[in-house]
């Protein structure tokens, strides 16, 4: 409750408290839900998976020519998916935020040189998403993969990531 208390007692120098409606949600992943000047947000507590996701995104971002473009594009695509597309929200059976981040990472991994603005990334998101047969295929940072192929890879004794990297290199050399 240290974080919760800090948020509840946070004040600007003029004494105004911009953070309101601070609530601790005890679930599988504990959250603090709150509002900052009418913008709702959640803070995950003791969520190792969330921390790993953050590290992955930061490492990926460092590999890019324009890292701030990646974050701005990710924010735009997430915003569109949530507000306009109504396709984001794993808690109600929609696309998980993590899955969306992987799709955007794939787009930047494959088309980084041609992405000059956030709109380019959004356009590629639409184009590449419609090319996937979601019932039979999935997407990784390296590209499309059949679900059957993924199941076979996960049963394999070799490291599936090394196999995917090798397949990706073979596709690029052809």
N, C-alpha and C. Protein backbone atom coordinates (compact mmCIF):
# COMPACT_ATOMS: atom_id res chain seq x y z
N UNK A 1 0.82 -1.21 0.00
CA UNK A 1 0.00 0.00 0.00
C UNK A 1 0.86 1.27 0.00
N UNK A 2 2.17 1.11 -0.06
CA UNK A 2 3.05 2.27 -0.13
C UNK A 2 2.78 3.09 -1.39
N UNK A 3 2.63 2.40 -2.53
CA UNK A 3 2.34 3.10 -3.78
C UNK A 3 0.97 3.78 -3.69
N UNK A 4 0.00 3.06 -3.17
CA UNK A 4 -1.35 3.62 -3.04
C UNK A 4 -1.33 4.88 -2.18
N UNK A 5 -0.65 4.82 -1.04
CA UNK A 5 -0.58 6.00 -0.16
C UNK A 5 0.15 7.16 -0.83
N UNK A 6 1.22 6.85 -1.55
CA UNK A 6 1.98 7.90 -2.25
C UNK A 6 1.11 8.60 -3.28
N UNK A 7 0.33 7.81 -4.03
CA UNK A 7 -0.54 8.39 -5.05
C UNK A 7 -1.65 9.23 -4.42
N UNK A 8 -2.23 8.72 -3.32
CA UNK A 8 -3.32 9.45 -2.67
C UNK A 8 -2.84 10.77 -2.09
N UNK A 9 -1.59 10.82 -1.67
CA UNK A 9 -1.07 12.03 -1.00
C UNK A 9 -0.23 12.91 -1.92
N UNK A 10 -0.12 12.56 -3.19
CA UNK A 10 0.66 13.37 -4.13
C UNK A 10 -0.01 14.71 -4.35
N UNK A 11 0.78 15.78 -4.27
CA UNK A 11 0.26 17.14 -4.50
C UNK A 11 1.27 17.94 -5.31
N UNK A 12 0.72 18.85 -6.13
CA UNK A 12 1.58 19.84 -6.77
C UNK A 12 2.04 20.82 -5.71
N UNK A 13 2.98 21.69 -6.05
CA UNK A 13 3.48 22.68 -5.09
C UNK A 13 2.37 23.59 -4.59
N UNK A 14 1.35 23.84 -5.43
CA UNK A 14 0.25 24.71 -5.01
C UNK A 14 -0.77 23.98 -4.14
N UNK A 15 -0.51 22.69 -3.83
CA UNK A 15 -1.39 21.94 -2.95
C UNK A 15 -2.49 21.17 -3.67
N UNK A 16 -2.61 21.35 -4.98
CA UNK A 16 -3.64 20.65 -5.75
C UNK A 16 -3.26 19.18 -5.89
N UNK A 17 -4.25 18.29 -5.74
CA UNK A 17 -4.04 16.85 -5.87
C UNK A 17 -4.59 16.39 -7.22
N UNK A 18 -3.72 16.13 -8.19
CA UNK A 18 -4.21 15.76 -9.53
C UNK A 18 -4.61 14.29 -9.65
N UNK A 19 -4.17 13.46 -8.71
CA UNK A 19 -4.46 12.03 -8.79
C UNK A 19 -5.66 11.73 -7.89
N UNK A 20 -6.71 11.17 -8.49
CA UNK A 20 -7.94 10.90 -7.76
C UNK A 20 -8.38 9.46 -7.98
N UNK A 21 -9.39 9.07 -7.26
CA UNK A 21 -10.00 7.74 -7.38
C UNK A 21 -8.97 6.62 -7.33
N UNK A 22 -8.11 6.64 -6.32
CA UNK A 22 -7.07 5.63 -6.15
C UNK A 22 -7.69 4.40 -5.49
N UNK A 23 -7.69 3.28 -6.22
CA UNK A 23 -8.29 2.04 -5.72
C UNK A 23 -7.36 0.86 -5.94
N UNK A 24 -7.15 0.07 -4.90
CA UNK A 24 -6.37 -1.15 -5.01
C UNK A 24 -7.31 -2.28 -5.44
N UNK A 25 -6.96 -2.97 -6.52
CA UNK A 25 -7.75 -4.09 -7.02
C UNK A 25 -6.94 -5.35 -6.74
N UNK A 26 -7.47 -6.22 -5.90
CA UNK A 26 -6.79 -7.46 -5.57
C UNK A 26 -7.33 -8.54 -6.49
N UNK A 27 -6.51 -8.93 -7.45
CA UNK A 27 -6.87 -9.97 -8.43
C UNK A 27 -5.62 -10.80 -8.69
N UNK A 28 -5.63 -11.63 -9.74
CA UNK A 28 -4.44 -12.42 -10.07
C UNK A 28 -3.23 -11.50 -10.23
N UNK A 29 -3.44 -10.40 -10.94
CA UNK A 29 -2.42 -9.35 -11.05
C UNK A 29 -2.98 -8.16 -10.28
N UNK A 30 -2.35 -7.84 -9.17
CA UNK A 30 -2.83 -6.72 -8.36
C UNK A 30 -2.61 -5.41 -9.10
N UNK A 31 -3.59 -4.54 -9.03
CA UNK A 31 -3.54 -3.25 -9.72
C UNK A 31 -3.93 -2.12 -8.80
N UNK A 32 -3.41 -0.96 -9.11
CA UNK A 32 -3.94 0.26 -8.53
C UNK A 32 -4.55 1.02 -9.69
N UNK A 33 -5.87 1.26 -9.61
CA UNK A 33 -6.57 2.03 -10.63
C UNK A 33 -6.70 3.45 -10.10
N UNK A 34 -6.42 4.43 -10.95
CA UNK A 34 -6.57 5.81 -10.52
C UNK A 34 -6.77 6.72 -11.73
N UNK A 35 -7.01 7.98 -11.43
CA UNK A 35 -7.17 8.99 -12.47
C UNK A 35 -6.17 10.10 -12.22
N UNK A 36 -5.58 10.57 -13.30
CA UNK A 36 -4.69 11.72 -13.26
C UNK A 36 -5.30 12.76 -14.18
N UNK A 37 -5.85 13.80 -13.58
CA UNK A 37 -6.51 14.86 -14.34
C UNK A 37 -7.47 14.28 -15.38
N UNK A 38 -8.37 13.42 -14.96
CA UNK A 38 -9.44 12.77 -15.74
C UNK A 38 -8.96 11.65 -16.68
N UNK A 39 -7.67 11.35 -16.71
CA UNK A 39 -7.15 10.24 -17.52
C UNK A 39 -7.00 9.02 -16.62
N UNK A 40 -7.74 7.94 -16.92
CA UNK A 40 -7.67 6.72 -16.12
C UNK A 40 -6.45 5.91 -16.50
N UNK A 41 -5.80 5.32 -15.51
CA UNK A 41 -4.69 4.43 -15.78
C UNK A 41 -4.55 3.42 -14.65
N UNK A 42 -3.83 2.32 -14.95
CA UNK A 42 -3.59 1.25 -13.98
C UNK A 42 -2.10 1.11 -13.75
N UNK A 43 -1.75 0.74 -12.55
CA UNK A 43 -0.36 0.42 -12.21
C UNK A 43 -0.36 -1.02 -11.71
N UNK A 44 0.38 -1.88 -12.40
CA UNK A 44 0.49 -3.28 -11.98
C UNK A 44 1.46 -3.38 -10.81
N UNK A 45 1.13 -4.25 -9.87
CA UNK A 45 1.97 -4.44 -8.69
C UNK A 45 2.45 -5.88 -8.66
N UNK A 46 3.75 -6.06 -8.40
CA UNK A 46 4.35 -7.41 -8.33
C UNK A 46 4.05 -8.22 -9.59
N UNK A 47 4.20 -7.60 -10.74
CA UNK A 47 3.90 -8.26 -12.00
C UNK A 47 5.21 -8.47 -12.76
N UNK A 48 5.82 -9.63 -12.57
CA UNK A 48 7.10 -9.92 -13.20
C UNK A 48 6.97 -9.97 -14.72
N UNK A 49 5.86 -10.49 -15.21
CA UNK A 49 5.63 -10.56 -16.66
C UNK A 49 5.62 -9.17 -17.26
N UNK A 50 4.95 -8.23 -16.60
CA UNK A 50 4.91 -6.85 -17.09
C UNK A 50 6.29 -6.23 -17.14
N UNK A 51 7.11 -6.53 -16.15
CA UNK A 51 8.48 -6.02 -16.11
C UNK A 51 9.30 -6.61 -17.26
N UNK A 52 9.14 -7.91 -17.52
CA UNK A 52 9.84 -8.55 -18.64
C UNK A 52 9.42 -7.94 -19.97
N UNK A 53 8.12 -7.64 -20.11
CA UNK A 53 7.62 -7.02 -21.33
C UNK A 53 8.26 -5.65 -21.53
N UNK A 54 8.37 -4.89 -20.48
CA UNK A 54 9.00 -3.58 -20.56
C UNK A 54 10.47 -3.70 -20.99
N UNK A 55 11.19 -4.65 -20.43
CA UNK A 55 12.59 -4.87 -20.82
C UNK A 55 12.69 -5.26 -22.29
N UNK A 56 11.82 -6.17 -22.73
CA UNK A 56 11.81 -6.60 -24.14
C UNK A 56 11.57 -5.40 -25.07
N UNK A 57 10.58 -4.59 -24.77
CA UNK A 57 10.27 -3.44 -25.61
C UNK A 57 11.44 -2.45 -25.63
N UNK A 58 12.04 -2.21 -24.48
CA UNK A 58 13.17 -1.27 -24.43
C UNK A 58 14.37 -1.79 -25.20
N UNK A 59 14.65 -3.08 -25.09
CA UNK A 59 15.77 -3.66 -25.85
C UNK A 59 15.49 -3.59 -27.34
N UNK A 60 14.27 -3.92 -27.74
CA UNK A 60 13.89 -3.86 -29.15
C UNK A 60 14.02 -2.43 -29.67
N UNK A 61 13.54 -1.50 -28.90
CA UNK A 61 13.55 -0.09 -29.29
C UNK A 61 14.97 0.43 -29.55
N UNK A 62 15.92 -0.04 -28.77
CA UNK A 62 17.32 0.40 -28.94
C UNK A 62 17.91 -0.04 -30.28
N UNK A 63 17.34 -1.06 -30.89
CA UNK A 63 17.84 -1.58 -32.17
C UNK A 63 17.36 -0.75 -33.36
N UNK A 64 16.39 0.12 -33.14
CA UNK A 64 15.77 0.85 -34.23
C UNK A 64 16.49 2.15 -34.56
N UNK A 65 16.31 2.58 -35.81
CA UNK A 65 16.90 3.84 -36.26
C UNK A 65 16.26 5.02 -35.53
N UNK A 66 14.94 4.97 -35.38
CA UNK A 66 14.20 6.05 -34.74
C UNK A 66 13.36 5.49 -33.59
N UNK A 67 13.97 5.29 -32.41
CA UNK A 67 13.25 4.64 -31.32
C UNK A 67 12.01 5.40 -30.85
N UNK A 68 12.04 6.73 -30.87
CA UNK A 68 10.86 7.46 -30.40
C UNK A 68 9.69 7.27 -31.36
N UNK A 69 9.96 7.04 -32.64
CA UNK A 69 8.91 6.76 -33.60
C UNK A 69 8.20 5.46 -33.25
N UNK A 70 8.95 4.48 -32.78
CA UNK A 70 8.34 3.21 -32.37
C UNK A 70 7.35 3.43 -31.24
N UNK A 71 7.76 4.13 -30.19
CA UNK A 71 6.86 4.33 -29.05
C UNK A 71 5.65 5.17 -29.43
N UNK A 72 5.85 6.20 -30.24
CA UNK A 72 4.73 7.03 -30.66
C UNK A 72 3.76 6.22 -31.52
N UNK A 73 4.31 5.37 -32.39
CA UNK A 73 3.47 4.52 -33.25
C UNK A 73 2.71 3.50 -32.41
N UNK A 74 3.39 2.91 -31.46
CA UNK A 74 2.74 1.94 -30.57
C UNK A 74 1.59 2.61 -29.82
N UNK A 75 1.82 3.81 -29.34
CA UNK A 75 0.78 4.54 -28.61
C UNK A 75 -0.41 4.84 -29.54
N UNK A 76 -0.13 5.29 -30.77
CA UNK A 76 -1.20 5.59 -31.72
C UNK A 76 -2.00 4.32 -32.05
N UNK A 77 -1.32 3.23 -32.33
CA UNK A 77 -2.00 1.99 -32.70
C UNK A 77 -2.81 1.45 -31.52
N UNK A 78 -2.25 1.50 -30.32
CA UNK A 78 -3.00 1.05 -29.13
C UNK A 78 -4.24 1.91 -28.93
N UNK A 79 -4.08 3.21 -29.10
CA UNK A 79 -5.20 4.12 -28.93
C UNK A 79 -6.29 3.83 -29.95
N UNK A 80 -5.90 3.62 -31.21
CA UNK A 80 -6.89 3.31 -32.24
C UNK A 80 -7.59 1.98 -31.91
N UNK A 81 -6.81 0.97 -31.55
CA UNK A 81 -7.38 -0.35 -31.26
C UNK A 81 -8.39 -0.30 -30.11
N UNK A 82 -8.09 0.52 -29.11
CA UNK A 82 -8.97 0.59 -27.94
C UNK A 82 -10.19 1.46 -28.22
N UNK A 83 -9.97 2.66 -28.75
CA UNK A 83 -11.06 3.63 -28.88
C UNK A 83 -11.88 3.50 -30.15
N UNK A 84 -11.25 3.19 -31.26
CA UNK A 84 -11.96 3.14 -32.54
C UNK A 84 -12.23 1.72 -33.00
N UNK A 85 -11.21 0.86 -32.92
CA UNK A 85 -11.35 -0.50 -33.41
C UNK A 85 -12.09 -1.40 -32.44
N UNK A 86 -12.10 -1.02 -31.16
CA UNK A 86 -12.73 -1.83 -30.11
C UNK A 86 -12.25 -3.27 -30.16
N UNK A 87 -10.93 -3.45 -30.35
CA UNK A 87 -10.37 -4.80 -30.44
C UNK A 87 -9.33 -5.06 -29.35
N UNK A 88 -9.11 -4.11 -28.46
CA UNK A 88 -8.09 -4.26 -27.43
C UNK A 88 -8.76 -4.45 -26.08
N UNK A 89 -8.35 -5.49 -25.35
CA UNK A 89 -8.89 -5.74 -24.02
C UNK A 89 -8.99 -7.22 -23.75
N UNK A 90 -7.89 -7.82 -23.32
CA UNK A 90 -7.88 -9.27 -23.08
C UNK A 90 -8.83 -9.66 -21.96
N UNK A 91 -9.13 -8.72 -21.06
CA UNK A 91 -10.03 -9.05 -19.95
C UNK A 91 -11.46 -9.31 -20.44
N UNK A 92 -11.79 -8.92 -21.68
CA UNK A 92 -13.12 -9.19 -22.22
C UNK A 92 -13.05 -10.01 -23.52
N UNK A 93 -11.95 -10.76 -23.68
CA UNK A 93 -11.82 -11.69 -24.80
C UNK A 93 -11.33 -11.06 -26.09
N UNK A 94 -10.79 -9.86 -26.02
CA UNK A 94 -10.27 -9.20 -27.21
C UNK A 94 -8.75 -9.32 -27.24
N UNK A 95 -8.11 -8.62 -28.15
CA UNK A 95 -6.66 -8.66 -28.32
C UNK A 95 -5.95 -8.16 -27.06
N UNK A 96 -4.97 -8.90 -26.62
CA UNK A 96 -4.19 -8.49 -25.45
C UNK A 96 -3.20 -7.40 -25.85
N UNK A 97 -2.93 -6.53 -24.93
CA UNK A 97 -1.97 -5.45 -25.16
C UNK A 97 -0.61 -6.01 -25.56
N UNK A 98 -0.19 -7.10 -24.92
CA UNK A 98 1.09 -7.73 -25.23
C UNK A 98 1.11 -8.23 -26.68
N UNK A 99 0.01 -8.85 -27.12
CA UNK A 99 -0.07 -9.35 -28.49
C UNK A 99 0.03 -8.19 -29.49
N UNK A 100 -0.64 -7.10 -29.18
CA UNK A 100 -0.57 -5.92 -30.06
C UNK A 100 0.86 -5.40 -30.14
N UNK A 101 1.55 -5.37 -29.03
CA UNK A 101 2.93 -4.89 -29.01
C UNK A 101 3.82 -5.79 -29.88
N UNK A 102 3.58 -7.09 -29.86
CA UNK A 102 4.35 -8.02 -30.71
C UNK A 102 4.08 -7.72 -32.18
N UNK A 103 2.83 -7.46 -32.54
CA UNK A 103 2.50 -7.14 -33.93
C UNK A 103 3.23 -5.88 -34.37
N UNK A 104 3.22 -4.86 -33.52
CA UNK A 104 3.90 -3.60 -33.87
C UNK A 104 5.41 -3.82 -33.94
N UNK A 105 5.95 -4.64 -33.07
CA UNK A 105 7.38 -4.96 -33.13
C UNK A 105 7.69 -5.67 -34.44
N UNK A 106 6.83 -6.59 -34.87
CA UNK A 106 7.02 -7.28 -36.16
C UNK A 106 7.05 -6.26 -37.30
N UNK A 107 6.10 -5.34 -37.28
CA UNK A 107 6.03 -4.33 -38.35
C UNK A 107 7.32 -3.51 -38.40
N UNK A 108 7.81 -3.09 -37.24
CA UNK A 108 9.05 -2.31 -37.22
C UNK A 108 10.26 -3.18 -37.57
N UNK A 109 10.25 -4.43 -37.16
CA UNK A 109 11.36 -5.32 -37.48
C UNK A 109 11.45 -5.55 -38.99
N UNK A 110 10.33 -5.70 -39.64
CA UNK A 110 10.31 -6.02 -41.06
C UNK A 110 10.34 -4.78 -41.97
N UNK A 111 9.70 -3.69 -41.55
CA UNK A 111 9.52 -2.54 -42.44
C UNK A 111 10.10 -1.25 -41.87
N UNK A 112 11.06 -1.34 -40.99
CA UNK A 112 11.62 -0.18 -40.31
C UNK A 112 12.07 0.93 -41.27
N UNK A 113 12.71 0.54 -42.36
CA UNK A 113 13.23 1.54 -43.31
C UNK A 113 12.14 2.34 -43.99
N UNK A 114 10.95 1.76 -44.16
CA UNK A 114 9.88 2.46 -44.88
C UNK A 114 8.93 3.21 -43.95
N UNK A 115 9.12 3.10 -42.64
CA UNK A 115 8.24 3.80 -41.69
C UNK A 115 8.85 5.16 -41.36
N UNK A 116 8.22 6.19 -41.86
CA UNK A 116 8.71 7.56 -41.64
C UNK A 116 7.87 8.33 -40.63
N UNK A 117 6.64 7.85 -40.38
CA UNK A 117 5.75 8.53 -39.44
C UNK A 117 4.86 7.50 -38.75
N UNK A 118 4.15 7.96 -37.74
CA UNK A 118 3.22 7.09 -37.01
C UNK A 118 2.10 6.60 -37.93
N UNK A 119 1.70 7.44 -38.87
CA UNK A 119 0.63 7.07 -39.81
C UNK A 119 1.10 5.92 -40.71
N UNK A 120 2.37 5.93 -41.11
CA UNK A 120 2.92 4.82 -41.90
C UNK A 120 2.80 3.51 -41.10
N UNK A 121 3.13 3.57 -39.83
CA UNK A 121 3.06 2.37 -38.98
C UNK A 121 1.60 1.91 -38.82
N UNK A 122 0.69 2.86 -38.64
CA UNK A 122 -0.73 2.52 -38.52
C UNK A 122 -1.24 1.86 -39.81
N UNK A 123 -0.86 2.42 -40.94
CA UNK A 123 -1.24 1.86 -42.24
C UNK A 123 -0.71 0.42 -42.37
N UNK A 124 0.56 0.22 -42.04
CA UNK A 124 1.14 -1.13 -42.11
C UNK A 124 0.45 -2.09 -41.14
N UNK A 125 0.06 -1.58 -39.98
CA UNK A 125 -0.67 -2.40 -39.01
C UNK A 125 -1.96 -2.91 -39.65
N UNK A 126 -2.70 -2.02 -40.31
CA UNK A 126 -3.94 -2.44 -40.97
C UNK A 126 -3.65 -3.44 -42.09
N UNK A 127 -2.67 -3.13 -42.93
CA UNK A 127 -2.35 -3.98 -44.07
C UNK A 127 -1.89 -5.37 -43.63
N UNK A 128 -0.99 -5.43 -42.69
CA UNK A 128 -0.42 -6.72 -42.27
C UNK A 128 -1.42 -7.53 -41.44
N UNK A 129 -2.25 -6.86 -40.66
CA UNK A 129 -3.24 -7.57 -39.84
C UNK A 129 -4.27 -8.28 -40.71
N UNK A 130 -4.64 -7.66 -41.82
CA UNK A 130 -5.65 -8.30 -42.67
C UNK A 130 -5.07 -9.46 -43.49
N UNK A 131 -3.75 -9.55 -43.60
CA UNK A 131 -3.11 -10.64 -44.34
C UNK A 131 -3.00 -11.93 -43.53
N UNK A 132 -3.28 -11.85 -42.24
CA UNK A 132 -3.12 -13.01 -41.37
C UNK A 132 -4.43 -13.77 -41.24
N UNK A 133 -4.37 -15.08 -41.42
CA UNK A 133 -5.52 -15.94 -41.17
C UNK A 133 -5.48 -16.28 -39.68
N UNK A 134 -6.21 -15.51 -38.87
CA UNK A 134 -6.09 -15.59 -37.42
C UNK A 134 -6.52 -16.93 -36.84
N UNK A 135 -7.25 -17.73 -37.61
CA UNK A 135 -7.66 -19.04 -37.11
C UNK A 135 -6.55 -20.08 -37.28
N UNK A 136 -5.62 -19.83 -38.23
CA UNK A 136 -4.58 -20.81 -38.51
C UNK A 136 -3.17 -20.28 -38.32
N UNK A 137 -3.02 -18.96 -38.19
CA UNK A 137 -1.69 -18.36 -38.11
C UNK A 137 -1.57 -17.47 -36.88
N UNK A 138 -0.33 -17.24 -36.53
CA UNK A 138 0.00 -16.30 -35.46
C UNK A 138 1.16 -15.45 -35.94
N UNK A 139 1.52 -14.47 -35.16
CA UNK A 139 2.61 -13.59 -35.57
C UNK A 139 3.62 -13.49 -34.44
N UNK A 140 4.87 -13.45 -34.83
CA UNK A 140 5.96 -13.24 -33.88
C UNK A 140 6.69 -11.98 -34.32
N UNK A 141 7.68 -11.59 -33.59
CA UNK A 141 8.49 -10.43 -33.98
C UNK A 141 9.14 -10.68 -35.34
N UNK A 142 9.36 -11.95 -35.67
CA UNK A 142 10.03 -12.31 -36.91
C UNK A 142 9.09 -12.52 -38.08
N UNK A 143 7.79 -12.67 -37.83
CA UNK A 143 6.85 -12.84 -38.93
C UNK A 143 5.76 -13.84 -38.64
N UNK A 144 4.98 -14.16 -39.69
CA UNK A 144 3.87 -15.09 -39.57
C UNK A 144 4.38 -16.51 -39.35
N UNK A 145 3.57 -17.26 -38.64
CA UNK A 145 3.90 -18.65 -38.35
C UNK A 145 2.58 -19.39 -38.20
N UNK A 146 2.47 -20.57 -38.79
CA UNK A 146 1.23 -21.33 -38.61
C UNK A 146 1.17 -21.83 -37.17
N UNK A 147 -0.02 -21.91 -36.66
CA UNK A 147 -0.20 -22.37 -35.27
C UNK A 147 0.31 -23.79 -35.14
N UNK A 148 0.06 -24.60 -36.15
CA UNK A 148 0.54 -25.99 -36.15
C UNK A 148 2.07 -26.03 -36.08
N UNK A 149 2.71 -25.17 -36.87
CA UNK A 149 4.17 -25.10 -36.87
C UNK A 149 4.69 -24.68 -35.49
N UNK A 150 4.00 -23.73 -34.86
CA UNK A 150 4.40 -23.28 -33.52
C UNK A 150 4.28 -24.40 -32.50
N UNK A 151 3.20 -25.17 -32.59
CA UNK A 151 3.02 -26.29 -31.66
C UNK A 151 4.15 -27.30 -31.83
N UNK A 152 4.50 -27.58 -33.09
CA UNK A 152 5.61 -28.51 -33.36
C UNK A 152 6.93 -27.96 -32.83
N UNK A 153 7.15 -26.65 -32.99
CA UNK A 153 8.37 -26.03 -32.48
C UNK A 153 8.45 -26.12 -30.96
N UNK A 154 7.32 -25.91 -30.31
CA UNK A 154 7.34 -25.93 -28.84
C UNK A 154 7.58 -27.32 -28.28
N UNK A 155 7.30 -28.36 -29.08
CA UNK A 155 7.57 -29.74 -28.65
C UNK A 155 9.01 -30.14 -28.93
N UNK A 156 9.67 -29.38 -29.77
CA UNK A 156 11.03 -29.69 -30.21
C UNK A 156 12.02 -29.50 -29.06
N UNK A 157 13.08 -30.29 -29.05
CA UNK A 157 14.09 -30.16 -28.00
C UNK A 157 14.99 -28.96 -28.22
N UNK A 158 15.08 -28.49 -29.47
CA UNK A 158 15.91 -27.32 -29.76
C UNK A 158 15.20 -26.06 -29.30
N UNK A 159 15.95 -25.01 -29.17
CA UNK A 159 15.40 -23.72 -28.78
C UNK A 159 14.54 -23.16 -29.92
N UNK A 160 13.21 -22.97 -29.72
CA UNK A 160 12.35 -22.52 -30.81
C UNK A 160 12.75 -21.15 -31.36
N UNK A 161 13.32 -20.30 -30.54
CA UNK A 161 13.71 -18.96 -31.00
C UNK A 161 14.86 -19.08 -32.00
N UNK A 162 15.82 -19.97 -31.73
CA UNK A 162 16.92 -20.18 -32.67
C UNK A 162 16.40 -20.71 -34.00
N UNK A 163 15.42 -21.61 -33.96
CA UNK A 163 14.83 -22.16 -35.19
C UNK A 163 14.13 -21.05 -35.97
N UNK A 164 13.36 -20.20 -35.29
CA UNK A 164 12.67 -19.10 -35.95
C UNK A 164 13.66 -18.12 -36.57
N UNK A 165 14.73 -17.82 -35.85
CA UNK A 165 15.73 -16.90 -36.40
C UNK A 165 16.37 -17.48 -37.65
N UNK A 166 16.66 -18.78 -37.61
CA UNK A 166 17.26 -19.44 -38.78
C UNK A 166 16.30 -19.40 -39.97
N UNK A 167 15.00 -19.67 -39.73
CA UNK A 167 14.00 -19.63 -40.80
C UNK A 167 13.88 -18.22 -41.36
N UNK A 168 13.94 -17.23 -40.48
CA UNK A 168 13.85 -15.84 -40.91
C UNK A 168 15.03 -15.45 -41.80
N UNK A 169 16.22 -15.90 -41.41
CA UNK A 169 17.42 -15.64 -42.22
C UNK A 169 17.32 -16.32 -43.59
N UNK A 170 16.80 -17.55 -43.61
CA UNK A 170 16.65 -18.28 -44.88
C UNK A 170 15.68 -17.58 -45.81
N UNK A 171 14.57 -17.04 -45.27
CA UNK A 171 13.58 -16.33 -46.09
C UNK A 171 14.18 -15.08 -46.70
N UNK A 172 14.99 -14.36 -45.92
CA UNK A 172 15.59 -13.10 -46.41
C UNK A 172 16.65 -13.35 -47.48
N UNK A 173 17.33 -14.51 -47.42
CA UNK A 173 18.38 -14.78 -48.39
C UNK A 173 17.83 -15.25 -49.75
N UNK A 174 16.54 -15.61 -49.81
CA UNK A 174 15.93 -16.06 -51.07
C UNK A 174 15.39 -14.92 -51.85
